[in-house]
Amino acid sequence: KGSGSLKALSWAVFRNAEVYDTFPTMAVQLATLGVFLGGCFIASKGLNPLKKLLSLAGTSMFVMSILYIIMMLAAPAINPGADYVTMDLSFKNLIPNFNVAYFTSLSILVFAVGGCEKISPYVNKVENPSKGFPKGMIALAGMVVVCAILGTVAMGMMFDPAEVNANFDAYAANGGYWAFQKLGEYYHIGDTLMIIYALCNTISQFAILVLSIDAPLRMLLDNEHTHQFIPSALQKKNKFGVHSNGILLVLALASLF
């Protein structure tokens, strides 16, 4: 996530994927370490800044996803002269071939909501957890479904699947930026949408990094059943209610790799 936020920031500044790839490996590693240190610092300040950061990241990325879907579906009517991929949405083409390959590909559904388990340490922080937390998880799944289905249709109008499959690694790394860059071309506003998306993604990647530092520590160190196995030094909390020594341990372990 640290390098992901740097890549997103690079797209916002240089507006392409090539410049980031030319940076020296050591420089990228040092910059990533700096981002990680910043993440540790924010994680040590407790739930308040984390909650604000995650709210900003989640809201901005969801808004950008919905904005992309709406603007892409409306683009052919606004700019009929642009180059779009012709899609056949007839019923026979929407029905998949129910073979082994199809059923094994369903495993991607697990990754569609992968990472939601990280919010489990915050269940008791939710107002009326027994009702609020399940509602939040259902809303999360619903947002993913809407963005996945409509986003797939929107991107199918923009990119040829054969080209994506032929350059899968490049599209996996840069597809989102190319999508907003091309969307800006349809509306004759240049790279504006791509820059906004890249900045939102920078915040999102950094927010997930902070969450990935804070949540596992809470899972381990706040669990009353594991206290007997945890050194007392790691159980101490700072004034923000955070296991600051645990964050230092994470930092030390991360530096080894």
C-alpha atoms as a PDB file:
ATOM      1  CA  LYS A   1       0.000   0.000   0.000  1.00  0.00           C
ATOM      2  CA  GLY A   2       2.899   2.328   0.618  1.00  0.00           C
ATOM      3  CA  SER A   3       4.245   1.933  -2.902  1.00  0.00           C
ATOM      4  CA  GLY A   4       0.673   1.966  -4.232  1.00  0.00           C
ATOM      5  CA  SER A   5       0.105   5.433  -2.788  1.00  0.00           C
ATOM      6  CA  LEU A   6       3.383   6.595  -4.332  1.00  0.00           C
ATOM      7  CA  LYS A   7       2.363   5.249  -7.724  1.00  0.00           C
ATOM      8  CA  ALA A   8      -1.004   7.008  -7.476  1.00  0.00           C
ATOM      9  CA  LEU A   9       0.745  10.253  -6.525  1.00  0.00           C
ATOM     10  CA  SER A  10       3.108   9.800  -9.481  1.00  0.00           C
ATOM     11  CA  TRP A  11       0.114   9.506 -11.822  1.00  0.00           C
ATOM     12  CA  ALA A  12      -1.346  12.713 -10.361  1.00  0.00           C
ATOM     13  CA  VAL A  13       1.907  14.607 -10.931  1.00  0.00           C
ATOM     14  CA  PHE A  14       3.333  13.117 -14.143  1.00  0.00           C
ATOM     15  CA  ARG A  15       0.070  11.806 -15.704  1.00  0.00           C
ATOM     16  CA  ASN A  16       1.603   8.574 -16.994  1.00  0.00           C
ATOM     17  CA  ALA A  17       2.950   5.215 -15.803  1.00  0.00           C
ATOM     18  CA  GLU A  18       6.373   5.482 -17.411  1.00  0.00           C
ATOM     19  CA  VAL A  19       7.976   8.059 -15.090  1.00  0.00           C
ATOM     20  CA  TYR A  20       7.329   6.020 -11.938  1.00  0.00           C
ATOM     21  CA  ASP A  21       8.914   2.954 -13.571  1.00  0.00           C
ATOM     22  CA  THR A  22      12.130   4.914 -14.197  1.00  0.00           C
ATOM     23  CA  PHE A  23      12.666   5.835 -10.536  1.00  0.00           C
ATOM     24  CA  PRO A  24      15.640   4.052  -8.877  1.00  0.00           C
ATOM     25  CA  THR A  25      14.538   1.050  -6.831  1.00  0.00           C
ATOM     26  CA  MET A  26      16.352   2.265  -3.728  1.00  0.00           C
ATOM     27  CA  ALA A  27      14.677   5.684  -3.930  1.00  0.00           C
ATOM     28  CA  VAL A  28      11.241   4.061  -4.175  1.00  0.00           C
ATOM     29  CA  GLN A  29      12.047   1.802  -1.217  1.00  0.00           C
ATOM     30  CA  LEU A  30      13.166   4.743   0.929  1.00  0.00           C
ATOM     31  CA  ALA A  31      10.095   6.738  -0.042  1.00  0.00           C
ATOM     32  CA  THR A  32       7.892   3.742   0.775  1.00  0.00           C
ATOM     33  CA  LEU A  33       9.584   3.500   4.181  1.00  0.00           C
ATOM     34  CA  GLY A  34       8.776   7.166   4.714  1.00  0.00           C
ATOM     35  CA  VAL A  35       5.119   6.533   3.885  1.00  0.00           C
ATOM     36  CA  PHE A  36       5.118   3.576   6.271  1.00  0.00           C
ATOM     37  CA  LEU A  37       6.590   5.717   9.054  1.00  0.00           C
ATOM     38  CA  GLY A  38       3.869   8.272   8.428  1.00  0.00           C
ATOM     39  CA  GLY A  39       1.281   5.494   8.648  1.00  0.00           C
ATOM     40  CA  CYS A  40       2.722   4.310  11.972  1.00  0.00           C
ATOM     41  CA  PHE A  41       2.614   7.869  13.325  1.00  0.00           C
ATOM     42  CA  ILE A  42      -1.071   8.332  12.432  1.00  0.00           C
ATOM     43  CA  ALA A  43      -1.932   4.853  13.756  1.00  0.00           C
ATOM     44  CA  SER A  44      -0.358   5.832  17.092  1.00  0.00           C
ATOM     45  CA  LYS A  45      -2.797   8.753  17.428  1.00  0.00           C
ATOM     46  CA  GLY A  46      -5.828   6.532  17.977  1.00  0.00           C
ATOM     47  CA  LEU A  47      -9.200   6.105  16.321  1.00  0.00           C
ATOM     48  CA  ASN A  48     -10.060   9.751  15.740  1.00  0.00           C
ATOM     49  CA  PRO A  49      -7.640  10.527  12.877  1.00  0.00           C
ATOM     50  CA  LEU A  50      -7.998   6.973  11.556  1.00  0.00           C
ATOM     51  CA  LYS A  51     -11.779   7.312  11.383  1.00  0.00           C
ATOM     52  CA  LYS A  52     -11.551  10.639   9.560  1.00  0.00           C
ATOM     53  CA  LEU A  53      -8.939   9.347   7.135  1.00  0.00           C
ATOM     54  CA  LEU A  54     -10.897   6.185   6.321  1.00  0.00           C
ATOM     55  CA  SER A  55     -14.144   8.128   5.912  1.00  0.00           C
ATOM     56  CA  LEU A  56     -12.462  10.499   3.477  1.00  0.00           C
ATOM     57  CA  ALA A  57     -10.822   7.662   1.557  1.00  0.00           C
ATOM     58  CA  GLY A  58     -13.923   5.467   1.357  1.00  0.00           C
ATOM     59  CA  THR A  59     -16.282   8.279   0.412  1.00  0.00           C
ATOM     60  CA  SER A  60     -13.994   9.745  -2.251  1.00  0.00           C
ATOM     61  CA  MET A  61     -13.313   6.394  -3.929  1.00  0.00           C
ATOM     62  CA  PHE A  62     -16.979   5.386  -3.907  1.00  0.00           C
ATOM     63  CA  VAL A  63     -17.993   8.752  -5.372  1.00  0.00           C
ATOM     64  CA  MET A  64     -15.337   8.438  -8.083  1.00  0.00           C
ATOM     65  CA  SER A  65     -16.532   4.910  -8.918  1.00  0.00           C
ATOM     66  CA  ILE A  66     -20.153   6.024  -9.277  1.00  0.00           C
ATOM     67  CA  LEU A  67     -19.062   9.144 -11.185  1.00  0.00           C
ATOM     68  CA  TYR A  68     -17.085   6.992 -13.629  1.00  0.00           C
ATOM     69  CA  ILE A  69     -20.050   4.676 -14.216  1.00  0.00           C
ATOM     70  CA  ILE A  70     -22.523   7.523 -14.813  1.00  0.00           C
ATOM     71  CA  MET A  71     -20.202   9.542 -17.039  1.00  0.00           C
ATOM     72  CA  MET A  72     -19.116   6.510 -19.056  1.00  0.00           C
ATOM     73  CA  LEU A  73     -22.675   5.306 -19.687  1.00  0.00           C
ATOM     74  CA  ALA A  74     -23.669   8.842 -20.733  1.00  0.00           C
ATOM     75  CA  ALA A  75     -20.578   9.472 -22.885  1.00  0.00           C
ATOM     76  CA  PRO A  76     -21.867   7.968 -26.177  1.00  0.00           C
ATOM     77  CA  ALA A  77     -24.887  10.295 -26.134  1.00  0.00           C
ATOM     78  CA  ILE A  78     -22.738  13.352 -25.362  1.00  0.00           C
ATOM     79  CA  ASN A  79     -19.847  12.534 -27.699  1.00  0.00           C
ATOM     80  CA  PRO A  80     -21.124  10.084 -30.353  1.00  0.00           C
ATOM     81  CA  GLY A  81     -18.024  10.597 -32.486  1.00  0.00           C
ATOM     82  CA  ALA A  82     -15.651   9.047 -29.909  1.00  0.00           C
ATOM     83  CA  ASP A  83     -14.235   5.554 -30.231  1.00  0.00           C
ATOM     84  CA  TYR A  84     -16.285   3.054 -28.210  1.00  0.00           C
ATOM     85  CA  VAL A  85     -16.229  -0.728 -28.043  1.00  0.00           C
ATOM     86  CA  THR A  86     -19.430  -2.285 -29.368  1.00  0.00           C
ATOM     87  CA  MET A  87     -21.076  -4.502 -26.767  1.00  0.00           C
ATOM     88  CA  ASP A  88     -23.635  -7.212 -27.468  1.00  0.00           C
ATOM     89  CA  LEU A  89     -25.797  -7.396 -24.344  1.00  0.00           C
ATOM     90  CA  SER A  90     -28.223  -9.923 -25.777  1.00  0.00           C
ATOM     91  CA  PHE A  91     -29.539 -12.561 -23.394  1.00  0.00           C
ATOM     92  CA  LYS A  92     -27.527 -15.401 -24.949  1.00  0.00           C
ATOM     93  CA  ASN A  93     -24.289 -13.513 -24.425  1.00  0.00           C
ATOM     94  CA  LEU A  94     -25.102 -12.713 -20.800  1.00  0.00           C
ATOM     95  CA  ILE A  95     -25.557 -16.392 -19.906  1.00  0.00           C
ATOM     96  CA  PRO A  96     -22.141 -17.932 -19.068  1.00  0.00           C
ATOM     97  CA  ASN A  97     -20.942 -21.408 -19.971  1.00  0.00           C
ATOM     98  CA  PHE A  98     -21.431 -23.409 -16.794  1.00  0.00           C
ATOM     99  CA  ASN A  99     -18.196 -25.390 -16.991  1.00  0.00           C
ATOM    100  CA  VAL A 100     -15.296 -26.055 -14.625  1.00  0.00           C
ATOM    101  CA  ALA A 101     -13.485 -22.866 -15.645  1.00  0.00           C
ATOM    102  CA  TYR A 102     -16.568 -20.774 -14.853  1.00  0.00           C
ATOM    103  CA  PHE A 103     -17.123 -22.244 -11.394  1.00  0.00           C
ATOM    104  CA  THR A 104     -13.457 -21.972 -10.426  1.00  0.00           C
ATOM    105  CA  SER A 105     -13.503 -18.306 -11.462  1.00  0.00           C
ATOM    106  CA  LEU A 106     -16.201 -17.661  -8.851  1.00  0.00           C
ATOM    107  CA  SER A 107     -13.398 -17.583  -6.290  1.00  0.00           C
ATOM    108  CA  ILE A 108     -12.875 -13.962  -7.353  1.00  0.00           C
ATOM    109  CA  LEU A 109     -16.034 -13.160  -5.368  1.00  0.00           C
ATOM    110  CA  VAL A 110     -14.052 -13.854  -2.203  1.00  0.00           C
ATOM    111  CA  PHE A 111     -11.548 -11.164  -3.165  1.00  0.00           C
ATOM    112  CA  ALA A 112     -14.329  -8.720  -4.088  1.00  0.00           C
ATOM    113  CA  VAL A 113     -14.938  -8.085  -0.389  1.00  0.00           C
ATOM    114  CA  GLY A 114     -11.483  -9.163   0.736  1.00  0.00           C
ATOM    115  CA  GLY A 115     -10.161  -6.949   3.511  1.00  0.00           C
ATOM    116  CA  CYS A 116     -13.513  -6.296   5.182  1.00  0.00           C
ATOM    117  CA  GLU A 117     -12.391  -8.581   8.000  1.00  0.00           C
ATOM    118  CA  LYS A 118      -9.921  -5.857   9.017  1.00  0.00           C
ATOM    119  CA  ILE A 119     -12.730  -3.788  10.487  1.00  0.00           C
ATOM    120  CA  SER A 120     -13.691  -6.533  12.943  1.00  0.00           C
ATOM    121  CA  PRO A 121     -11.666  -4.990  15.835  1.00  0.00           C
ATOM    122  CA  TYR A 122     -13.885  -1.919  15.626  1.00  0.00           C
ATOM    123  CA  VAL A 123     -17.209  -3.709  16.114  1.00  0.00           C
ATOM    124  CA  ASN A 124     -17.611  -2.429  19.659  1.00  0.00           C
ATOM    125  CA  LYS A 125     -16.881   1.126  18.462  1.00  0.00           C
ATOM    126  CA  VAL A 126     -20.029   1.148  16.322  1.00  0.00           C
ATOM    127  CA  GLU A 127     -23.192   2.660  17.711  1.00  0.00           C
ATOM    128  CA  ASN A 128     -25.539  -0.232  18.573  1.00  0.00           C
ATOM    129  CA  PRO A 129     -23.048  -2.887  17.283  1.00  0.00           C
ATOM    130  CA  SER A 130     -25.561  -5.747  17.047  1.00  0.00           C
ATOM    131  CA  LYS A 131     -27.521  -3.823  14.418  1.00  0.00           C
ATOM    132  CA  GLY A 132     -25.096  -1.214  13.124  1.00  0.00           C
ATOM    133  CA  PHE A 133     -22.228  -3.540  12.218  1.00  0.00           C
ATOM    134  CA  PRO A 134     -24.308  -6.029  10.153  1.00  0.00           C
ATOM    135  CA  LYS A 135     -25.929  -3.091   8.352  1.00  0.00           C
ATOM    136  CA  GLY A 136     -22.491  -1.731   7.565  1.00  0.00           C
ATOM    137  CA  MET A 137     -21.317  -5.083   6.180  1.00  0.00           C
ATOM    138  CA  ILE A 138     -24.448  -5.412   4.028  1.00  0.00           C
ATOM    139  CA  ALA A 139     -23.964  -1.860   2.746  1.00  0.00           C
ATOM    140  CA  LEU A 140     -20.322  -2.688   1.979  1.00  0.00           C
ATOM    141  CA  ALA A 141     -21.286  -5.778  -0.033  1.00  0.00           C
ATOM    142  CA  GLY A 142     -24.030  -3.834  -1.839  1.00  0.00           C
ATOM    143  CA  MET A 143     -21.621  -1.067  -2.840  1.00  0.00           C
ATOM    144  CA  VAL A 144     -19.171  -3.646  -4.175  1.00  0.00           C
ATOM    145  CA  VAL A 145     -21.894  -5.403  -6.200  1.00  0.00           C
ATOM    146  CA  VAL A 146     -23.199  -2.173  -7.744  1.00  0.00           C
ATOM    147  CA  CYS A 147     -19.723  -0.892  -8.626  1.00  0.00           C
ATOM    148  CA  ALA A 148     -18.585  -4.281  -9.953  1.00  0.00           C
ATOM    149  CA  ILE A 149     -21.577  -4.933 -12.220  1.00  0.00           C
ATOM    150  CA  LEU A 150     -22.100  -1.431 -13.599  1.00  0.00           C
ATOM    151  CA  GLY A 151     -18.359  -0.738 -13.660  1.00  0.00           C
ATOM    152  CA  THR A 152     -17.789  -3.859 -15.750  1.00  0.00           C
ATOM    153  CA  VAL A 153     -20.386  -2.691 -18.281  1.00  0.00           C
ATOM    154  CA  ALA A 154     -18.852   0.799 -18.373  1.00  0.00           C
ATOM    155  CA  MET A 155     -15.300  -0.484 -18.848  1.00  0.00           C
ATOM    156  CA  GLY A 156     -16.537  -2.946 -21.484  1.00  0.00           C
ATOM    157  CA  MET A 157     -17.578   0.074 -23.553  1.00  0.00           C
ATOM    158  CA  MET A 158     -14.116   1.578 -23.210  1.00  0.00           C
ATOM    159  CA  PHE A 159     -11.572  -1.256 -23.488  1.00  0.00           C
ATOM    160  CA  ASP A 160     -11.382  -4.200 -25.850  1.00  0.00           C
ATOM    161  CA  PRO A 161     -11.189  -7.398 -23.712  1.00  0.00           C
ATOM    162  CA  ALA A 162      -8.701  -8.933 -26.141  1.00  0.00           C
ATOM    163  CA  GLU A 163      -6.331  -6.004 -25.620  1.00  0.00           C
ATOM    164  CA  VAL A 164      -6.728  -6.203 -21.842  1.00  0.00           C
ATOM    165  CA  ASN A 165      -5.981  -9.940 -21.798  1.00  0.00           C
ATOM    166  CA  ALA A 166      -2.938  -9.436 -24.023  1.00  0.00           C
ATOM    167  CA  ASN A 167      -1.513  -6.799 -21.642  1.00  0.00           C
ATOM    168  CA  PHE A 168      -3.064  -7.956 -18.388  1.00  0.00           C
ATOM    169  CA  ASP A 169      -0.241  -6.932 -16.027  1.00  0.00           C
ATOM    170  CA  ALA A 170      -0.121  -3.398 -17.428  1.00  0.00           C
ATOM    171  CA  TYR A 171      -3.891  -2.992 -17.162  1.00  0.00           C
ATOM    172  CA  ALA A 172      -3.951  -4.467 -13.648  1.00  0.00           C
ATOM    173  CA  ALA A 173      -1.425  -1.859 -12.535  1.00  0.00           C
ATOM    174  CA  ASN A 174      -2.658   1.153 -14.496  1.00  0.00           C
ATOM    175  CA  GLY A 175      -6.158   0.354 -15.791  1.00  0.00           C
ATOM    176  CA  GLY A 176      -7.979   2.668 -13.388  1.00  0.00           C
ATOM    177  CA  TYR A 177      -5.842   5.650 -14.352  1.00  0.00           C
ATOM    178  CA  TRP A 178      -6.175   4.910 -18.071  1.00  0.00           C
ATOM    179  CA  ALA A 179      -9.947   4.624 -17.642  1.00  0.00           C
ATOM    180  CA  PHE A 180     -10.302   8.101 -16.117  1.00  0.00           C
ATOM    181  CA  GLN A 181      -7.781   9.507 -18.570  1.00  0.00           C
ATOM    182  CA  LYS A 182      -9.812   8.199 -21.496  1.00  0.00           C
ATOM    183  CA  LEU A 183     -13.043   9.392 -19.885  1.00  0.00           C
ATOM    184  CA  GLY A 184     -11.554  12.895 -19.765  1.00  0.00           C
ATOM    185  CA  GLU A 185     -10.854  12.644 -23.502  1.00  0.00           C
ATOM    186  CA  TYR A 186     -14.504  11.803 -24.183  1.00  0.00           C
ATOM    187  CA  TYR A 187     -15.606  14.961 -22.348  1.00  0.00           C
ATOM    188  CA  HIS A 188     -12.743  17.127 -23.682  1.00  0.00           C
ATOM    189  CA  ILE A 189     -11.429  18.002 -20.204  1.00  0.00           C
ATOM    190  CA  GLY A 190      -7.983  16.440 -20.545  1.00  0.00           C
ATOM    191  CA  ASP A 191      -6.501  14.655 -17.527  1.00  0.00           C
ATOM    192  CA  THR A 192      -8.656  16.417 -14.928  1.00  0.00           C
ATOM    193  CA  LEU A 193     -10.683  13.342 -13.934  1.00  0.00           C
ATOM    194  CA  MET A 194      -7.590  11.146 -13.877  1.00  0.00           C
ATOM    195  CA  ILE A 195      -5.743  13.546 -11.578  1.00  0.00           C
ATOM    196  CA  ILE A 196      -8.703  13.692  -9.182  1.00  0.00           C
ATOM    197  CA  TYR A 197      -8.928   9.889  -9.201  1.00  0.00           C
ATOM    198  CA  ALA A 198      -5.174   9.543  -8.618  1.00  0.00           C
ATOM    199  CA  LEU A 199      -5.312  11.899  -5.620  1.00  0.00           C
ATOM    200  CA  CYS A 200      -8.304  10.019  -4.184  1.00  0.00           C
ATOM    201  CA  ASN A 201      -6.460   6.735  -4.695  1.00  0.00           C
ATOM    202  CA  THR A 202      -3.370   8.159  -2.975  1.00  0.00           C
ATOM    203  CA  ILE A 203      -5.467   8.907   0.101  1.00  0.00           C
ATOM    204  CA  SER A 204      -7.195   5.517  -0.128  1.00  0.00           C
ATOM    205  CA  GLN A 205      -3.965   3.525  -0.363  1.00  0.00           C
ATOM    206  CA  PHE A 206      -2.486   5.406   2.591  1.00  0.00           C
ATOM    207  CA  ALA A 207      -5.656   4.991   4.660  1.00  0.00           C
ATOM    208  CA  ILE A 208      -5.646   1.229   4.070  1.00  0.00           C
ATOM    209  CA  LEU A 209      -1.980   1.141   5.093  1.00  0.00           C
ATOM    210  CA  VAL A 210      -2.815   2.819   8.413  1.00  0.00           C
ATOM    211  CA  LEU A 211      -5.755   0.465   8.928  1.00  0.00           C
ATOM    212  CA  SER A 212      -3.513  -2.526   8.152  1.00  0.00           C
ATOM    213  CA  ILE A 213      -1.154  -1.407  10.908  1.00  0.00           C
ATOM    214  CA  ASP A 214      -3.794  -0.642  13.520  1.00  0.00           C
ATOM    215  CA  ALA A 215      -6.354  -3.431  13.024  1.00  0.00           C
ATOM    216  CA  PRO A 216      -4.096  -6.529  13.402  1.00  0.00           C
ATOM    217  CA  LEU A 217      -2.565  -5.073  16.576  1.00  0.00           C
ATOM    218  CA  ARG A 218      -6.021  -4.590  18.051  1.00  0.00           C
ATOM    219  CA  MET A 219      -6.964  -8.157  17.066  1.00  0.00           C
ATOM    220  CA  LEU A 220      -3.934  -9.552  18.850  1.00  0.00           C
ATOM    221  CA  LEU A 221      -3.275  -7.212  21.768  1.00  0.00           C
ATOM    222  CA  ASP A 222      -6.883  -6.378  22.724  1.00  0.00           C
ATOM    223  CA  ASN A 223      -7.837 -10.046  22.918  1.00  0.00           C
ATOM    224  CA  GLU A 224      -8.194 -10.997  26.572  1.00  0.00           C
ATOM    225  CA  HIS A 225      -7.533 -14.652  25.761  1.00  0.00           C
ATOM    226  CA  THR A 226      -4.029 -13.892  24.438  1.00  0.00           C
ATOM    227  CA  HIS A 227      -2.808 -11.629  27.229  1.00  0.00           C
ATOM    228  CA  GLN A 228      -0.998 -14.474  28.978  1.00  0.00           C
ATOM    229  CA  PHE A 229       1.109 -15.026  25.876  1.00  0.00           C
ATOM    230  CA  ILE A 230       1.885 -11.350  25.184  1.00  0.00           C
ATOM    231  CA  PRO A 231       4.817  -9.551  26.888  1.00  0.00           C
ATOM    232  CA  SER A 232       3.543  -6.915  29.298  1.00  0.00           C
ATOM    233  CA  ALA A 233       5.523  -4.199  27.488  1.00  0.00           C
ATOM    234  CA  LEU A 234       3.373  -4.721  24.369  1.00  0.00           C
ATOM    235  CA  GLN A 235       0.146  -4.448  26.365  1.00  0.00           C
ATOM    236  CA  LYS A 236       0.797  -0.880  27.488  1.00  0.00           C
ATOM    237  CA  LYS A 237      -1.297   1.809  25.803  1.00  0.00           C
ATOM    238  CA  ASN A 238      -0.554   5.471  25.183  1.00  0.00           C
ATOM    239  CA  LYS A 239      -2.987   8.296  25.998  1.00  0.00           C
ATOM    240  CA  PHE A 240      -4.871   7.624  22.748  1.00  0.00           C
ATOM    241  CA  GLY A 241      -5.584   4.017  23.737  1.00  0.00           C
ATOM    242  CA  VAL A 242      -3.139   2.594  21.191  1.00  0.00           C
ATOM    243  CA  HIS A 243      -0.494  -0.083  21.799  1.00  0.00           C
ATOM    244  CA  SER A 244       2.379   2.176  20.760  1.00  0.00           C
ATOM    245  CA  ASN A 245       5.011  -0.427  21.626  1.00  0.00           C
ATOM    246  CA  GLY A 246       3.188  -2.832  19.331  1.00  0.00           C
ATOM    247  CA  ILE A 247       3.486  -0.313  16.493  1.00  0.00           C
ATOM    248  CA  LEU A 248       7.226  -0.033  17.175  1.00  0.00           C
ATOM    249  CA  LEU A 249       7.467  -3.828  16.985  1.00  0.00           C
ATOM    250  CA  VAL A 250       5.622  -3.819  13.655  1.00  0.00           C
ATOM    251  CA  LEU A 251       8.018  -1.170  12.396  1.00  0.00           C
ATOM    252  CA  ALA A 252      11.044  -3.179  13.522  1.00  0.00           C
ATOM    253  CA  LEU A 253       9.750  -6.368  11.902  1.00  0.00           C
ATOM    254  CA  ALA A 254       8.859  -4.539   8.687  1.00  0.00           C
ATOM    255  CA  SER A 255      12.367  -3.085   8.452  1.00  0.00           C
ATOM    256  CA  LEU A 256      13.744  -6.623   8.316  1.00  0.00           C
ATOM    257  CA  PHE A 257      11.913  -7.271   5.080  1.00  0.00           C
END
